[in-house]
Amino acid sequence: MVTDAARLDVDHFVPLAEVFDSERTPWSAARREAYANDQDSPDTLIAVTAASNRSKADKDPAEWLPSDAAYHCAYAATWVGTKLRWDLAADEAERDALLGLAEDCPTTVVVYEPAP
């Protein structure tokens, strides 16, 4: 439990660099701003420890997962839901990592609402 707000960061669940690499077609500046400031989804922006945010940086699930393995299923579902919300692609390594996680998460459901 974190009790000192100074130890928290607001993190883009799918990092901005990953979003820009995953655009199916180039986004307008307005679309990028909408993602960067998306407060209509509880998953796009999350509070995390500063240390966790630095550790994840701009990595996708092929390169980084939370240290708590019990959170991997929820993490993968949120990652996929965010990618679907914003119609973002996944590269082969990312896709393979997510499929591997999905094998261990048979009851996990991906929920999302398409971004406006």
C-alpha atoms as a PDB file:
ATOM      1  CA  MET A   1       0.000   0.000   0.000  1.00  0.00           C
ATOM      2  CA  VAL A   2       1.306   3.435  -0.920  1.00  0.00           C
ATOM      3  CA  THR A   3       0.564   6.161   1.622  1.00  0.00           C
ATOM      4  CA  ASP A   4       2.726   8.931   0.162  1.00  0.00           C
ATOM      5  CA  ALA A   5       1.197  10.443  -2.991  1.00  0.00           C
ATOM      6  CA  ALA A   6       4.644  11.649  -4.046  1.00  0.00           C
ATOM      7  CA  ARG A   7       5.523   8.002  -4.728  1.00  0.00           C
ATOM      8  CA  LEU A   8       2.750   7.695  -7.324  1.00  0.00           C
ATOM      9  CA  ASP A   9       2.660   8.489 -11.025  1.00  0.00           C
ATOM     10  CA  VAL A  10      -0.237   8.661 -13.450  1.00  0.00           C
ATOM     11  CA  ASP A  11       0.684   6.136 -16.106  1.00  0.00           C
ATOM     12  CA  HIS A  12      -0.736   5.448 -19.553  1.00  0.00           C
ATOM     13  CA  PHE A  13      -1.608   1.748 -19.323  1.00  0.00           C
ATOM     14  CA  VAL A  14      -0.476   1.377 -22.929  1.00  0.00           C
ATOM     15  CA  PRO A  15       2.471   3.788 -23.098  1.00  0.00           C
ATOM     16  CA  LEU A  16       2.327   6.679 -25.529  1.00  0.00           C
ATOM     17  CA  ALA A  17       5.342   5.405 -27.494  1.00  0.00           C
ATOM     18  CA  GLU A  18       3.624   2.015 -27.863  1.00  0.00           C
ATOM     19  CA  VAL A  19       0.429   3.728 -29.009  1.00  0.00           C
ATOM     20  CA  PHE A  20       2.257   5.703 -31.669  1.00  0.00           C
ATOM     21  CA  ASP A  21       4.000   2.507 -32.858  1.00  0.00           C
ATOM     22  CA  SER A  22       0.643   0.682 -32.943  1.00  0.00           C
ATOM     23  CA  GLU A  23      -1.467   3.133 -34.938  1.00  0.00           C
ATOM     24  CA  ARG A  24      -3.021   1.357 -37.898  1.00  0.00           C
ATOM     25  CA  THR A  25      -3.041   4.664 -39.769  1.00  0.00           C
ATOM     26  CA  PRO A  26      -1.367   7.869 -38.570  1.00  0.00           C
ATOM     27  CA  TRP A  27      -3.426   9.652 -35.942  1.00  0.00           C
ATOM     28  CA  SER A  28      -4.232  13.326 -35.997  1.00  0.00           C
ATOM     29  CA  ALA A  29      -2.894  15.538 -33.236  1.00  0.00           C
ATOM     30  CA  ALA A  30      -6.429  15.682 -31.812  1.00  0.00           C
ATOM     31  CA  ARG A  31      -6.678  11.870 -31.679  1.00  0.00           C
ATOM     32  CA  ARG A  32      -3.297  11.624 -29.927  1.00  0.00           C
ATOM     33  CA  GLU A  33      -4.405  14.249 -27.429  1.00  0.00           C
ATOM     34  CA  ALA A  34      -7.671  12.367 -26.849  1.00  0.00           C
ATOM     35  CA  TYR A  35      -5.720   9.211 -25.990  1.00  0.00           C
ATOM     36  CA  ALA A  36      -3.195  11.031 -23.828  1.00  0.00           C
ATOM     37  CA  ASN A  37      -5.991  12.582 -21.767  1.00  0.00           C
ATOM     38  CA  ASP A  38      -8.592   9.771 -21.900  1.00  0.00           C
ATOM     39  CA  GLN A  39     -10.563  10.021 -18.684  1.00  0.00           C
ATOM     40  CA  ASP A  40     -13.647   8.264 -20.083  1.00  0.00           C
ATOM     41  CA  SER A  41     -12.094   4.840 -19.510  1.00  0.00           C
ATOM     42  CA  PRO A  42     -10.922   3.683 -16.081  1.00  0.00           C
ATOM     43  CA  ASP A  43      -8.066   1.819 -17.775  1.00  0.00           C
ATOM     44  CA  THR A  44      -6.238   4.260 -20.043  1.00  0.00           C
ATOM     45  CA  LEU A  45      -4.704   6.288 -17.202  1.00  0.00           C
ATOM     46  CA  ILE A  46      -3.856   4.529 -13.943  1.00  0.00           C
ATOM     47  CA  ALA A  47      -2.077   5.388 -10.712  1.00  0.00           C
ATOM     48  CA  VAL A  48       1.066   3.318 -10.193  1.00  0.00           C
ATOM     49  CA  THR A  49       4.161   3.570  -8.079  1.00  0.00           C
ATOM     50  CA  ALA A  50       6.840   5.719  -9.613  1.00  0.00           C
ATOM     51  CA  ALA A  51       9.218   2.746  -9.464  1.00  0.00           C
ATOM     52  CA  SER A  52       6.809   0.546 -11.419  1.00  0.00           C
ATOM     53  CA  ASN A  53       6.265   3.273 -14.007  1.00  0.00           C
ATOM     54  CA  ARG A  54      10.016   3.669 -14.522  1.00  0.00           C
ATOM     55  CA  SER A  55      10.451  -0.101 -14.780  1.00  0.00           C
ATOM     56  CA  LYS A  56       7.709  -0.476 -17.421  1.00  0.00           C
ATOM     57  CA  ALA A  57       8.673   2.661 -19.362  1.00  0.00           C
ATOM     58  CA  ASP A  58       7.375   2.161 -22.926  1.00  0.00           C
ATOM     59  CA  LYS A  59       7.495  -1.642 -22.931  1.00  0.00           C
ATOM     60  CA  ASP A  60       4.710  -3.950 -24.092  1.00  0.00           C
ATOM     61  CA  PRO A  61       3.791  -7.315 -22.483  1.00  0.00           C
ATOM     62  CA  ALA A  62       6.470  -9.110 -24.523  1.00  0.00           C
ATOM     63  CA  GLU A  63       9.066  -7.007 -22.706  1.00  0.00           C
ATOM     64  CA  TRP A  64       7.539  -6.303 -19.288  1.00  0.00           C
ATOM     65  CA  LEU A  65       4.937  -7.690 -16.908  1.00  0.00           C
ATOM     66  CA  PRO A  66       4.044  -6.600 -13.379  1.00  0.00           C
ATOM     67  CA  SER A  67       6.057  -8.339 -10.675  1.00  0.00           C
ATOM     68  CA  ASP A  68       2.844  -9.672  -9.103  1.00  0.00           C
ATOM     69  CA  ALA A  69       1.992 -12.755 -11.195  1.00  0.00           C
ATOM     70  CA  ALA A  70      -1.513 -12.788  -9.702  1.00  0.00           C
ATOM     71  CA  TYR A  71      -2.173  -9.578 -11.664  1.00  0.00           C
ATOM     72  CA  HIS A  72      -1.009 -10.906 -15.055  1.00  0.00           C
ATOM     73  CA  CYS A  73      -4.467 -11.966 -16.262  1.00  0.00           C
ATOM     74  CA  ALA A  74      -6.045  -8.628 -15.359  1.00  0.00           C
ATOM     75  CA  TYR A  75      -3.037  -6.817 -16.838  1.00  0.00           C
ATOM     76  CA  ALA A  76      -3.332  -8.670 -20.157  1.00  0.00           C
ATOM     77  CA  ALA A  77      -7.091  -8.096 -20.334  1.00  0.00           C
ATOM     78  CA  THR A  78      -6.692  -4.383 -19.634  1.00  0.00           C
ATOM     79  CA  TRP A  79      -3.880  -4.114 -22.203  1.00  0.00           C
ATOM     80  CA  VAL A  80      -6.003  -5.824 -24.867  1.00  0.00           C
ATOM     81  CA  GLY A  81      -9.091  -3.807 -23.942  1.00  0.00           C
ATOM     82  CA  THR A  82      -7.154  -0.563 -24.250  1.00  0.00           C
ATOM     83  CA  LYS A  83      -5.699  -1.601 -27.602  1.00  0.00           C
ATOM     84  CA  LEU A  84      -9.175  -2.538 -28.852  1.00  0.00           C
ATOM     85  CA  ARG A  85     -10.715   0.665 -27.471  1.00  0.00           C
ATOM     86  CA  TRP A  86      -8.305   2.717 -29.562  1.00  0.00           C
ATOM     87  CA  ASP A  87      -8.118   0.318 -32.565  1.00  0.00           C
ATOM     88  CA  LEU A  88      -4.405  -0.280 -32.091  1.00  0.00           C
ATOM     89  CA  ALA A  89      -2.389  -3.089 -33.664  1.00  0.00           C
ATOM     90  CA  ALA A  90      -0.148  -5.568 -31.847  1.00  0.00           C
ATOM     91  CA  ASP A  91       3.197  -6.683 -33.225  1.00  0.00           C
ATOM     92  CA  GLU A  92       4.068 -10.378 -33.376  1.00  0.00           C
ATOM     93  CA  ALA A  93       6.058 -10.532 -30.128  1.00  0.00           C
ATOM     94  CA  GLU A  94       3.334  -8.647 -28.249  1.00  0.00           C
ATOM     95  CA  ARG A  95       0.630 -10.885 -29.718  1.00  0.00           C
ATOM     96  CA  ASP A  96       2.539 -14.047 -28.795  1.00  0.00           C
ATOM     97  CA  ALA A  97       3.057 -12.806 -25.234  1.00  0.00           C
ATOM     98  CA  LEU A  98      -0.631 -11.965 -24.863  1.00  0.00           C
ATOM     99  CA  LEU A  99      -1.710 -15.338 -26.271  1.00  0.00           C
ATOM    100  CA  GLY A 100       0.637 -17.052 -23.811  1.00  0.00           C
ATOM    101  CA  LEU A 101      -0.906 -15.104 -20.951  1.00  0.00           C
ATOM    102  CA  ALA A 102      -4.406 -15.904 -22.208  1.00  0.00           C
ATOM    103  CA  GLU A 103      -3.683 -19.633 -21.957  1.00  0.00           C
ATOM    104  CA  ASP A 104      -3.264 -19.148 -18.206  1.00  0.00           C
ATOM    105  CA  CYS A 105      -6.392 -16.993 -17.915  1.00  0.00           C
ATOM    106  CA  PRO A 106      -9.353 -19.079 -19.144  1.00  0.00           C
ATOM    107  CA  THR A 107     -11.959 -17.121 -17.171  1.00  0.00           C
ATOM    108  CA  THR A 108     -10.615 -13.629 -17.862  1.00  0.00           C
ATOM    109  CA  VAL A 109     -12.892 -11.437 -19.967  1.00  0.00           C
ATOM    110  CA  VAL A 110     -11.758  -8.439 -22.007  1.00  0.00           C
ATOM    111  CA  VAL A 111     -14.137  -5.510 -21.657  1.00  0.00           C
ATOM    112  CA  TYR A 112     -13.881  -2.267 -23.593  1.00  0.00           C
ATOM    113  CA  GLU A 113     -15.880   0.490 -25.179  1.00  0.00           C
ATOM    114  CA  PRO A 114     -14.593   1.928 -28.468  1.00  0.00           C
ATOM    115  CA  ALA A 115     -13.124   5.397 -28.094  1.00  0.00           C
ATOM    116  CA  PRO A 116     -15.130   8.199 -29.639  1.00  0.00           C
END
